Amino acid sequence: KKTFFLYETVMSSQFAVAFYHLGNRNWRGAVILLGEGINRLGYYRPVYAEISVEDLCGQSVKILKALQQAGQEKVDDFLPLLAGAEVADLRLPKIIKVAKN
């Protein structure tokens, strides 16, 4: 059940929908869901199911903070992230698999 919850959080709900909202220029929705996704993953830190949850959260926190500091007026500045571009030293979070011990 824990593994399903992890994959649900990462793959389908909070993060995916947060970036969907960003693509629709819905700053508030992106910020709220990105924050919720980060909070939900806290239980799985630092590594769970061979995924570096700590790294995923760290990448996501950087984007969340940048969005919060930029505010609604600058949401368009972050749209290139969705096309794989780098924005202010940020990229979309990547899931990193770690080796088993």
PDB file of N, CA and C in Angstrom:
ATOM      1  N   LYS A   1       0.820  -1.193   0.000  1.00  0.00           N
ATOM      2  CA  LYS A   1       0.000   0.000   0.000  1.00  0.00           C
ATOM      3  C   LYS A   1       0.869   1.264   0.000  1.00  0.00           C
ATOM      4  N   LYS A   2       1.974   1.260   0.773  1.00  0.00           N
ATOM      5  CA  LYS A   2       2.857   2.424   0.788  1.00  0.00           C
ATOM      6  C   LYS A   2       3.435   2.694  -0.597  1.00  0.00           C
ATOM      7  N   THR A   3       3.829   1.622  -1.293  1.00  0.00           N
ATOM      8  CA  THR A   3       4.408   1.800  -2.622  1.00  0.00           C
ATOM      9  C   THR A   3       3.383   2.392  -3.574  1.00  0.00           C
ATOM     10  N   PHE A   4       2.141   1.901  -3.522  1.00  0.00           N
ATOM     11  CA  PHE A   4       1.096   2.446  -4.390  1.00  0.00           C
ATOM     12  C   PHE A   4       0.896   3.929  -4.103  1.00  0.00           C
ATOM     13  N   PHE A   5       0.858   4.294  -2.836  1.00  0.00           N
ATOM     14  CA  PHE A   5       0.663   5.693  -2.457  1.00  0.00           C
ATOM     15  C   PHE A   5       1.796   6.553  -2.994  1.00  0.00           C
ATOM     16  N   LEU A   6       3.017   6.057  -2.910  1.00  0.00           N
ATOM     17  CA  LEU A   6       4.160   6.791  -3.437  1.00  0.00           C
ATOM     18  C   LEU A   6       4.000   7.014  -4.934  1.00  0.00           C
ATOM     19  N   TYR A   7       3.711   5.969  -5.666  1.00  0.00           N
ATOM     20  CA  TYR A   7       3.587   6.102  -7.114  1.00  0.00           C
ATOM     21  C   TYR A   7       2.390   6.961  -7.497  1.00  0.00           C
ATOM     22  N   GLU A   8       1.312   6.860  -6.746  1.00  0.00           N
ATOM     23  CA  GLU A   8       0.144   7.693  -7.020  1.00  0.00           C
ATOM     24  C   GLU A   8       0.507   9.165  -6.858  1.00  0.00           C
ATOM     25  N   THR A   9       1.221   9.473  -5.801  1.00  0.00           N
ATOM     26  CA  THR A   9       1.609  10.860  -5.537  1.00  0.00           C
ATOM     27  C   THR A   9       2.539  11.383  -6.621  1.00  0.00           C
ATOM     28  N   VAL A  10       3.543  10.608  -6.947  1.00  0.00           N
ATOM     29  CA  VAL A  10       4.567  11.068  -7.886  1.00  0.00           C
ATOM     30  C   VAL A  10       4.079  11.044  -9.326  1.00  0.00           C
ATOM     31  N   MET A  11       3.497   9.940  -9.727  1.00  0.00           N
ATOM     32  CA  MET A  11       3.222   9.729 -11.144  1.00  0.00           C
ATOM     33  C   MET A  11       1.911  10.331 -11.624  1.00  0.00           C
ATOM     34  N   SER A  12       0.910  10.355 -10.787  1.00  0.00           N
ATOM     35  CA  SER A  12      -0.382  10.709 -11.347  1.00  0.00           C
ATOM     36  C   SER A  12      -1.031  11.935 -10.752  1.00  0.00           C
ATOM     37  N   SER A  13      -0.912  12.133  -9.482  1.00  0.00           N
ATOM     38  CA  SER A  13      -1.732  13.195  -8.934  1.00  0.00           C
ATOM     39  C   SER A  13      -1.005  14.501  -8.725  1.00  0.00           C
ATOM     40  N   GLN A  14      -0.525  14.767  -7.552  1.00  0.00           N
ATOM     41  CA  GLN A  14      -0.071  16.110  -7.220  1.00  0.00           C
ATOM     42  C   GLN A  14       0.933  16.718  -8.197  1.00  0.00           C
ATOM     43  N   PHE A  15       2.015  16.029  -8.474  1.00  0.00           N
ATOM     44  CA  PHE A  15       3.030  16.632  -9.333  1.00  0.00           C
ATOM     45  C   PHE A  15       2.541  16.807 -10.766  1.00  0.00           C
ATOM     46  N   ALA A  16       1.923  15.788 -11.309  1.00  0.00           N
ATOM     47  CA  ALA A  16       1.438  15.887 -12.689  1.00  0.00           C
ATOM     48  C   ALA A  16       0.414  17.004 -12.825  1.00  0.00           C
ATOM     49  N   VAL A  17      -0.517  17.066 -11.902  1.00  0.00           N
ATOM     50  CA  VAL A  17      -1.558  18.089 -11.977  1.00  0.00           C
ATOM     51  C   VAL A  17      -0.977  19.473 -11.688  1.00  0.00           C
ATOM     52  N   ALA A  18       0.014  19.553 -10.814  1.00  0.00           N
ATOM     53  CA  ALA A  18       0.661  20.845 -10.550  1.00  0.00           C
ATOM     54  C   ALA A  18       1.248  21.416 -11.839  1.00  0.00           C
ATOM     55  N   PHE A  19       1.934  20.584 -12.602  1.00  0.00           N
ATOM     56  CA  PHE A  19       2.543  21.081 -13.834  1.00  0.00           C
ATOM     57  C   PHE A  19       1.510  21.272 -14.943  1.00  0.00           C
ATOM     58  N   TYR A  20       0.415  20.539 -14.878  1.00  0.00           N
ATOM     59  CA  TYR A  20      -0.712  20.793 -15.787  1.00  0.00           C
ATOM     60  C   TYR A  20      -1.254  22.204 -15.518  1.00  0.00           C
ATOM     61  N   HIS A  21      -1.444  22.529 -14.243  1.00  0.00           N
ATOM     62  CA  HIS A  21      -1.916  23.869 -13.881  1.00  0.00           C
ATOM     63  C   HIS A  21      -0.928  24.935 -14.343  1.00  0.00           C
ATOM     64  N   LEU A  22       0.347  24.670 -14.175  1.00  0.00           N
ATOM     65  CA  LEU A  22       1.355  25.623 -14.633  1.00  0.00           C
ATOM     66  C   LEU A  22       1.210  25.866 -16.135  1.00  0.00           C
ATOM     67  N   GLY A  23       1.013  24.788 -16.888  1.00  0.00           N
ATOM     68  CA  GLY A  23       0.835  24.915 -18.331  1.00  0.00           C
ATOM     69  C   GLY A  23      -0.381  25.733 -18.717  1.00  0.00           C
ATOM     70  N   ASN A  24      -1.371  25.758 -17.850  1.00  0.00           N
ATOM     71  CA  ASN A  24      -2.577  26.559 -18.071  1.00  0.00           C
ATOM     72  C   ASN A  24      -2.483  27.930 -17.404  1.00  0.00           C
ATOM     73  N   ARG A  25      -1.291  28.273 -16.960  1.00  0.00           N
ATOM     74  CA  ARG A  25      -1.020  29.561 -16.310  1.00  0.00           C
ATOM     75  C   ARG A  25      -1.813  29.746 -15.012  1.00  0.00           C
ATOM     76  N   ASN A  26      -2.146  28.637 -14.386  1.00  0.00           N
ATOM     77  CA  ASN A  26      -2.852  28.662 -13.104  1.00  0.00           C
ATOM     78  C   ASN A  26      -1.802  28.585 -11.999  1.00  0.00           C
ATOM     79  N   TRP A  27      -1.232  29.733 -11.669  1.00  0.00           N
ATOM     80  CA  TRP A  27      -0.160  29.807 -10.681  1.00  0.00           C
ATOM     81  C   TRP A  27      -0.596  29.230  -9.348  1.00  0.00           C
ATOM     82  N   ARG A  28      -1.763  29.625  -8.884  1.00  0.00           N
ATOM     83  CA  ARG A  28      -2.245  29.182  -7.572  1.00  0.00           C
ATOM     84  C   ARG A  28      -2.377  27.660  -7.515  1.00  0.00           C
ATOM     85  N   GLY A  29      -2.993  27.063  -8.541  1.00  0.00           N
ATOM     86  CA  GLY A  29      -3.147  25.609  -8.579  1.00  0.00           C
ATOM     87  C   GLY A  29      -1.805  24.899  -8.610  1.00  0.00           C
ATOM     88  N   ALA A  30      -0.867  25.444  -9.380  1.00  0.00           N
ATOM     89  CA  ALA A  30       0.462  24.833  -9.467  1.00  0.00           C
ATOM     90  C   ALA A  30       1.170  24.875  -8.120  1.00  0.00           C
ATOM     91  N   VAL A  31       1.112  26.007  -7.452  1.00  0.00           N
ATOM     92  CA  VAL A  31       1.792  26.168  -6.164  1.00  0.00           C
ATOM     93  C   VAL A  31       1.164  25.269  -5.104  1.00  0.00           C
ATOM     94  N   ILE A  32      -0.149  25.246  -5.041  1.00  0.00           N
ATOM     95  CA  ILE A  32      -0.830  24.427  -4.028  1.00  0.00           C
ATOM     96  C   ILE A  32      -0.523  22.948  -4.224  1.00  0.00           C
ATOM     97  N   LEU A  33      -0.675  22.448  -5.447  1.00  0.00           N
ATOM     98  CA  LEU A  33      -0.485  21.013  -5.672  1.00  0.00           C
ATOM     99  C   LEU A  33       0.975  20.593  -5.595  1.00  0.00           C
ATOM    100  N   LEU A  34       1.869  21.452  -5.987  1.00  0.00           N
ATOM    101  CA  LEU A  34       3.288  21.133  -5.834  1.00  0.00           C
ATOM    102  C   LEU A  34       3.631  21.031  -4.348  1.00  0.00           C
ATOM    103  N   GLY A  35       3.125  21.959  -3.562  1.00  0.00           N
ATOM    104  CA  GLY A  35       3.344  21.904  -2.116  1.00  0.00           C
ATOM    105  C   GLY A  35       2.738  20.665  -1.483  1.00  0.00           C
ATOM    106  N   GLU A  36       1.530  20.305  -1.902  1.00  0.00           N
ATOM    107  CA  GLU A  36       0.887  19.097  -1.366  1.00  0.00           C
ATOM    108  C   GLU A  36       1.675  17.848  -1.736  1.00  0.00           C
ATOM    109  N   GLY A  37       2.160  17.794  -2.971  1.00  0.00           N
ATOM    110  CA  GLY A  37       2.948  16.638  -3.400  1.00  0.00           C
ATOM    111  C   GLY A  37       4.221  16.488  -2.585  1.00  0.00           C
ATOM    112  N   ILE A  38       4.893  17.596  -2.341  1.00  0.00           N
ATOM    113  CA  ILE A  38       6.117  17.572  -1.534  1.00  0.00           C
ATOM    114  C   ILE A  38       5.802  17.089  -0.120  1.00  0.00           C
ATOM    115  N   ASN A  39       4.742  17.616   0.453  1.00  0.00           N
ATOM    116  CA  ASN A  39       4.361  17.208   1.814  1.00  0.00           C
ATOM    117  C   ASN A  39       4.000  15.731   1.891  1.00  0.00           C
ATOM    118  N   ARG A  40       3.293  15.230   0.898  1.00  0.00           N
ATOM    119  CA  ARG A  40       2.888  13.823   0.907  1.00  0.00           C
ATOM    120  C   ARG A  40       4.083  12.890   0.792  1.00  0.00           C
ATOM    121  N   LEU A  41       5.131  13.341   0.136  1.00  0.00           N
ATOM    122  CA  LEU A  41       6.307  12.490  -0.038  1.00  0.00           C
ATOM    123  C   LEU A  41       7.232  12.481   1.172  1.00  0.00           C
ATOM    124  N   GLY A  42       7.019  13.379   2.107  1.00  0.00           N
ATOM    125  CA  GLY A  42       7.888  13.465   3.274  1.00  0.00           C
ATOM    126  C   GLY A  42       8.039  12.148   4.016  1.00  0.00           C
ATOM    127  N   TYR A  43       6.995  11.373   4.057  1.00  0.00           N
ATOM    128  CA  TYR A  43       6.990  10.084   4.757  1.00  0.00           C
ATOM    129  C   TYR A  43       7.979   9.091   4.149  1.00  0.00           C
ATOM    130  N   TYR A  44       8.289   9.242   2.875  1.00  0.00           N
ATOM    131  CA  TYR A  44       9.101   8.271   2.142  1.00  0.00           C
ATOM    132  C   TYR A  44      10.578   8.636   2.064  1.00  0.00           C
ATOM    133  N   ARG A  45      10.967   9.773   2.626  1.00  0.00           N
ATOM    134  CA  ARG A  45      12.362  10.208   2.562  1.00  0.00           C
ATOM    135  C   ARG A  45      13.242   9.308   3.402  1.00  0.00           C
ATOM    136  N   PRO A  46      14.484   9.151   3.078  1.00  0.00           N
ATOM    137  CA  PRO A  46      15.197   9.719   1.937  1.00  0.00           C
ATOM    138  C   PRO A  46      15.065   8.882   0.663  1.00  0.00           C
ATOM    139  N   VAL A  47      14.963   7.557   0.804  1.00  0.00           N
ATOM    140  CA  VAL A  47      14.857   6.666  -0.358  1.00  0.00           C
ATOM    141  C   VAL A  47      13.731   5.686  -0.097  1.00  0.00           C
ATOM    142  N   TYR A  48      12.935   5.434  -1.121  1.00  0.00           N
ATOM    143  CA  TYR A  48      11.878   4.437  -0.995  1.00  0.00           C
ATOM    144  C   TYR A  48      11.677   3.776  -2.348  1.00  0.00           C
ATOM    145  N   ALA A  49      11.553   2.462  -2.335  1.00  0.00           N
ATOM    146  CA  ALA A  49      11.325   1.678  -3.559  1.00  0.00           C
ATOM    147  C   ALA A  49      12.344   2.037  -4.642  1.00  0.00           C
ATOM    148  N   GLU A  50      13.588   2.196  -4.231  1.00  0.00           N
ATOM    149  CA  GLU A  50      14.705   2.520  -5.121  1.00  0.00           C
ATOM    150  C   GLU A  50      14.593   3.896  -5.771  1.00  0.00           C
ATOM    151  N   ILE A  51      13.756   4.759  -5.226  1.00  0.00           N
ATOM    152  CA  ILE A  51      13.608   6.122  -5.732  1.00  0.00           C
ATOM    153  C   ILE A  51      14.200   7.080  -4.707  1.00  0.00           C
ATOM    154  N   SER A  52      15.014   7.996  -5.188  1.00  0.00           N
ATOM    155  CA  SER A  52      15.566   9.021  -4.307  1.00  0.00           C
ATOM    156  C   SER A  52      14.490  10.080  -4.066  1.00  0.00           C
ATOM    157  N   VAL A  53      13.674   9.824  -3.071  1.00  0.00           N
ATOM    158  CA  VAL A  53      12.582  10.734  -2.733  1.00  0.00           C
ATOM    159  C   VAL A  53      13.149  12.070  -2.254  1.00  0.00           C
ATOM    160  N   GLU A  54      14.243  12.022  -1.537  1.00  0.00           N
ATOM    161  CA  GLU A  54      14.889  13.247  -1.052  1.00  0.00           C
ATOM    162  C   GLU A  54      15.273  14.150  -2.220  1.00  0.00           C
ATOM    163  N   ASP A  55      15.849  13.579  -3.256  1.00  0.00           N
ATOM    164  CA  ASP A  55      16.252  14.359  -4.421  1.00  0.00           C
ATOM    165  C   ASP A  55      15.034  14.910  -5.161  1.00  0.00           C
ATOM    166  N   LEU A  56      14.018  14.085  -5.320  1.00  0.00           N
ATOM    167  CA  LEU A  56      12.793  14.518  -5.993  1.00  0.00           C
ATOM    168  C   LEU A  56      12.157  15.686  -5.242  1.00  0.00           C
ATOM    169  N   CYS A  57      12.095  15.568  -3.922  1.00  0.00           N
ATOM    170  CA  CYS A  57      11.530  16.653  -3.114  1.00  0.00           C
ATOM    171  C   CYS A  57      12.394  17.903  -3.201  1.00  0.00           C
ATOM    172  N   GLY A  58      13.695  17.727  -3.159  1.00  0.00           N
ATOM    173  CA  GLY A  58      14.597  18.876  -3.248  1.00  0.00           C
ATOM    174  C   GLY A  58      14.431  19.640  -4.549  1.00  0.00           C
ATOM    175  N   GLN A  59      14.337  18.909  -5.655  1.00  0.00           N
ATOM    176  CA  GLN A  59      14.123  19.545  -6.955  1.00  0.00           C
ATOM    177  C   GLN A  59      12.792  20.290  -6.980  1.00  0.00           C
ATOM    178  N   SER A  60      11.780  19.654  -6.419  1.00  0.00           N
ATOM    179  CA  SER A  60      10.432  20.228  -6.423  1.00  0.00           C
ATOM    180  C   SER A  60      10.335  21.455  -5.526  1.00  0.00           C
ATOM    181  N   VAL A  61      11.006  21.417  -4.387  1.00  0.00           N
ATOM    182  CA  VAL A  61      11.007  22.564  -3.469  1.00  0.00           C
ATOM    183  C   VAL A  61      11.630  23.782  -4.143  1.00  0.00           C
ATOM    184  N   LYS A  62      12.690  23.575  -4.909  1.00  0.00           N
ATOM    185  CA  LYS A  62      13.327  24.698  -5.606  1.00  0.00           C
ATOM    186  C   LYS A  62      12.350  25.362  -6.575  1.00  0.00           C
ATOM    187  N   ILE A  63      11.599  24.549  -7.308  1.00  0.00           N
ATOM    188  CA  ILE A  63      10.616  25.105  -8.245  1.00  0.00           C
ATOM    189  C   ILE A  63       9.501  25.806  -7.480  1.00  0.00           C
ATOM    190  N   LEU A  64       9.022  25.183  -6.416  1.00  0.00           N
ATOM    191  CA  LEU A  64       7.954  25.782  -5.616  1.00  0.00           C
ATOM    192  C   LEU A  64       8.383  27.144  -5.068  1.00  0.00           C
ATOM    193  N   LYS A  65       9.567  27.216  -4.497  1.00  0.00           N
ATOM    194  CA  LYS A  65      10.053  28.489  -3.943  1.00  0.00           C
ATOM    195  C   LYS A  65      10.188  29.549  -5.031  1.00  0.00           C
ATOM    196  N   ALA A  66      10.691  29.148  -6.188  1.00  0.00           N
ATOM    197  CA  ALA A  66      10.843  30.104  -7.291  1.00  0.00           C
ATOM    198  C   ALA A  66       9.484  30.612  -7.757  1.00  0.00           C
ATOM    199  N   LEU A  67       8.508  29.717  -7.856  1.00  0.00           N
ATOM    200  CA  LEU A  67       7.155  30.128  -8.242  1.00  0.00           C
ATOM    201  C   LEU A  67       6.561  31.081  -7.207  1.00  0.00           C
ATOM    202  N   GLN A  68       6.728  30.747  -5.942  1.00  0.00           N
ATOM    203  CA  GLN A  68       6.183  31.595  -4.880  1.00  0.00           C
ATOM    204  C   GLN A  68       6.822  32.979  -4.892  1.00  0.00           C
ATOM    205  N   GLN A  69       8.127  33.038  -5.094  1.00  0.00           N
ATOM    206  CA  GLN A  69       8.821  34.326  -5.116  1.00  0.00           C
ATOM    207  C   GLN A  69       8.445  35.146  -6.345  1.00  0.00           C
ATOM    208  N   ALA A  70       8.241  34.470  -7.471  1.00  0.00           N
ATOM    209  CA  ALA A  70       7.911  35.166  -8.712  1.00  0.00           C
ATOM    210  C   ALA A  70       6.491  35.717  -8.677  1.00  0.00           C
ATOM    211  N   GLY A  71       5.578  34.944  -8.116  1.00  0.00           N
ATOM    212  CA  GLY A  71       4.185  35.372  -8.048  1.00  0.00           C
ATOM    213  C   GLY A  71       3.433  35.130  -9.344  1.00  0.00           C
ATOM    214  N   GLN A  72       2.140  35.311  -9.260  1.00  0.00           N
ATOM    215  CA  GLN A  72       1.220  35.070 -10.377  1.00  0.00           C
ATOM    216  C   GLN A  72       1.623  35.835 -11.635  1.00  0.00           C
ATOM    217  N   GLU A  73       2.092  37.058 -11.447  1.00  0.00           N
ATOM    218  CA  GLU A  73       2.396  37.915 -12.602  1.00  0.00           C
ATOM    219  C   GLU A  73       3.481  37.347 -13.506  1.00  0.00           C
ATOM    220  N   LYS A  74       4.320  36.482 -12.966  1.00  0.00           N
ATOM    221  CA  LYS A  74       5.446  35.966 -13.746  1.00  0.00           C
ATOM    222  C   LYS A  74       5.314  34.481 -14.061  1.00  0.00           C
ATOM    223  N   VAL A  75       4.102  33.959 -14.006  1.00  0.00           N
ATOM    224  CA  VAL A  75       3.903  32.528 -14.257  1.00  0.00           C
ATOM    225  C   VAL A  75       4.385  32.137 -15.656  1.00  0.00           C
ATOM    226  N   ASP A  76       4.232  33.026 -16.626  1.00  0.00           N
ATOM    227  CA  ASP A  76       4.661  32.714 -17.995  1.00  0.00           C
ATOM    228  C   ASP A  76       6.160  32.451 -18.090  1.00  0.00           C
ATOM    229  N   ASP A  77       6.932  33.016 -17.186  1.00  0.00           N
ATOM    230  CA  ASP A  77       8.381  32.803 -17.196  1.00  0.00           C
ATOM    231  C   ASP A  77       8.749  31.338 -16.977  1.00  0.00           C
ATOM    232  N   PHE A  78       7.841  30.577 -16.361  1.00  0.00           N
ATOM    233  CA  PHE A  78       8.120  29.182 -16.026  1.00  0.00           C
ATOM    234  C   PHE A  78       7.624  28.193 -17.084  1.00  0.00           C
ATOM    235  N   LEU A  79       6.881  28.658 -18.066  1.00  0.00           N
ATOM    236  CA  LEU A  79       6.327  27.758 -19.079  1.00  0.00           C
ATOM    237  C   LEU A  79       7.390  26.986 -19.856  1.00  0.00           C
ATOM    238  N   PRO A  80       8.559  27.559 -20.150  1.00  0.00           N
ATOM    239  CA  PRO A  80       9.578  26.780 -20.859  1.00  0.00           C
ATOM    240  C   PRO A  80      10.012  25.505 -20.124  1.00  0.00           C
ATOM    241  N   LEU A  81       9.829  25.453 -18.800  1.00  0.00           N
ATOM    242  CA  LEU A  81      10.135  24.223 -18.061  1.00  0.00           C
ATOM    243  C   LEU A  81       9.386  23.037 -18.649  1.00  0.00           C
ATOM    244  N   LEU A  82       8.148  23.275 -19.051  1.00  0.00           N
ATOM    245  CA  LEU A  82       7.292  22.194 -19.537  1.00  0.00           C
ATOM    246  C   LEU A  82       7.761  21.636 -20.874  1.00  0.00           C
ATOM    247  N   ALA A  83       8.597  22.394 -21.571  1.00  0.00           N
ATOM    248  CA  ALA A  83       9.157  21.932 -22.843  1.00  0.00           C
ATOM    249  C   ALA A  83      10.565  21.374 -22.646  1.00  0.00           C
ATOM    250  N   GLY A  84      10.974  21.226 -21.389  1.00  0.00           N
ATOM    251  CA  GLY A  84      12.284  20.656 -21.100  1.00  0.00           C
ATOM    252  C   GLY A  84      13.404  21.668 -20.985  1.00  0.00           C
ATOM    253  N   ALA A  85      13.069  22.943 -21.069  1.00  0.00           N
ATOM    254  CA  ALA A  85      14.094  23.985 -20.980  1.00  0.00           C
ATOM    255  C   ALA A  85      14.449  24.274 -19.522  1.00  0.00           C
ATOM    256  N   GLU A  86      15.562  24.924 -19.352  1.00  0.00           N
ATOM    257  CA  GLU A  86      15.994  25.367 -18.027  1.00  0.00           C
ATOM    258  C   GLU A  86      15.521  26.799 -17.817  1.00  0.00           C
ATOM    259  N   VAL A  87      14.995  27.061 -16.638  1.00  0.00           N
ATOM    260  CA  VAL A  87      14.531  28.400 -16.279  1.00  0.00           C
ATOM    261  C   VAL A  87      15.145  28.750 -14.929  1.00  0.00           C
ATOM    262  N   ALA A  88      15.942  29.792 -14.894  1.00  0.00           N
ATOM    263  CA  ALA A  88      16.571  30.243 -13.642  1.00  0.00           C
ATOM    264  C   ALA A  88      17.258  29.087 -12.916  1.00  0.00           C
ATOM    265  N   ASP A  89      18.042  28.324 -13.652  1.00  0.00           N
ATOM    266  CA  ASP A  89      18.765  27.158 -13.115  1.00  0.00           C
ATOM    267  C   ASP A  89      17.843  26.047 -12.619  1.00  0.00           C
ATOM    268  N   LEU A  90      16.608  26.010 -13.086  1.00  0.00           N
ATOM    269  CA  LEU A  90      15.642  24.976 -12.701  1.00  0.00           C
ATOM    270  C   LEU A  90      15.251  24.142 -13.904  1.00  0.00           C
ATOM    271  N   ARG A  91      14.972  22.885 -13.647  1.00  0.00           N
ATOM    272  CA  ARG A  91      14.411  21.974 -14.646  1.00  0.00           C
ATOM    273  C   ARG A  91      13.290  21.208 -13.975  1.00  0.00           C
ATOM    274  N   LEU A  92      12.430  20.595 -14.784  1.00  0.00           N
ATOM    275  CA  LEU A  92      11.390  19.747 -14.203  1.00  0.00           C
ATOM    276  C   LEU A  92      12.037  18.662 -13.353  1.00  0.00           C
ATOM    277  N   PRO A  93      11.426  18.317 -12.238  1.00  0.00           N
ATOM    278  CA  PRO A  93      11.990  17.261 -11.385  1.00  0.00           C
ATOM    279  C   PRO A  93      12.082  15.937 -12.126  1.00  0.00           C
ATOM    280  N   LYS A  94      13.127  15.191 -11.827  1.00  0.00           N
ATOM    281  CA  LYS A  94      13.313  13.862 -12.409  1.00  0.00           C
ATOM    282  C   LYS A  94      13.337  12.838 -11.296  1.00  0.00           C
ATOM    283  N   ILE A  95      12.762  11.697 -11.586  1.00  0.00           N
ATOM    284  CA  ILE A  95      12.799  10.587 -10.641  1.00  0.00           C
ATOM    285  C   ILE A  95      14.127   9.876 -10.836  1.00  0.00           C
ATOM    286  N   ILE A  96      14.890   9.768  -9.772  1.00  0.00           N
ATOM    287  CA  ILE A  96      16.212   9.153  -9.842  1.00  0.00           C
ATOM    288  C   ILE A  96      16.187   7.835  -9.090  1.00  0.00           C
ATOM    289  N   LYS A  97      16.535   6.783  -9.805  1.00  0.00           N
ATOM    290  CA  LYS A  97      16.601   5.455  -9.194  1.00  0.00           C
ATOM    291  C   LYS A  97      17.957   5.300  -8.519  1.00  0.00           C
ATOM    292  N   VAL A  98      17.941   4.767  -7.326  1.00  0.00           N
ATOM    293  CA  VAL A  98      19.189   4.540  -6.598  1.00  0.00           C
ATOM    294  C   VAL A  98      19.446   3.045  -6.506  1.00  0.00           C
ATOM    295  N   ALA A  99      20.707   2.699  -6.406  1.00  0.00           N
ATOM    296  CA  ALA A  99      21.087   1.288  -6.326  1.00  0.00           C
ATOM    297  C   ALA A  99      20.675   0.707  -4.981  1.00  0.00           C
ATOM    298  N   LYS A 100      20.312  -0.557  -5.006  1.00  0.00           N
ATOM    299  CA  LYS A 100      19.995  -1.256  -3.758  1.00  0.00           C
ATOM    300  C   LYS A 100      21.278  -1.478  -2.980  1.00  0.00           C
ATOM    301  N   ASN A 101      21.159  -1.434  -1.671  1.00  0.00           N
ATOM    302  CA  ASN A 101      22.334  -1.701  -0.820  1.00  0.00           C
ATOM    303  C   ASN A 101      22.543  -3.178  -0.668  1.00  0.00           C
TER     304      ASN A 101
END
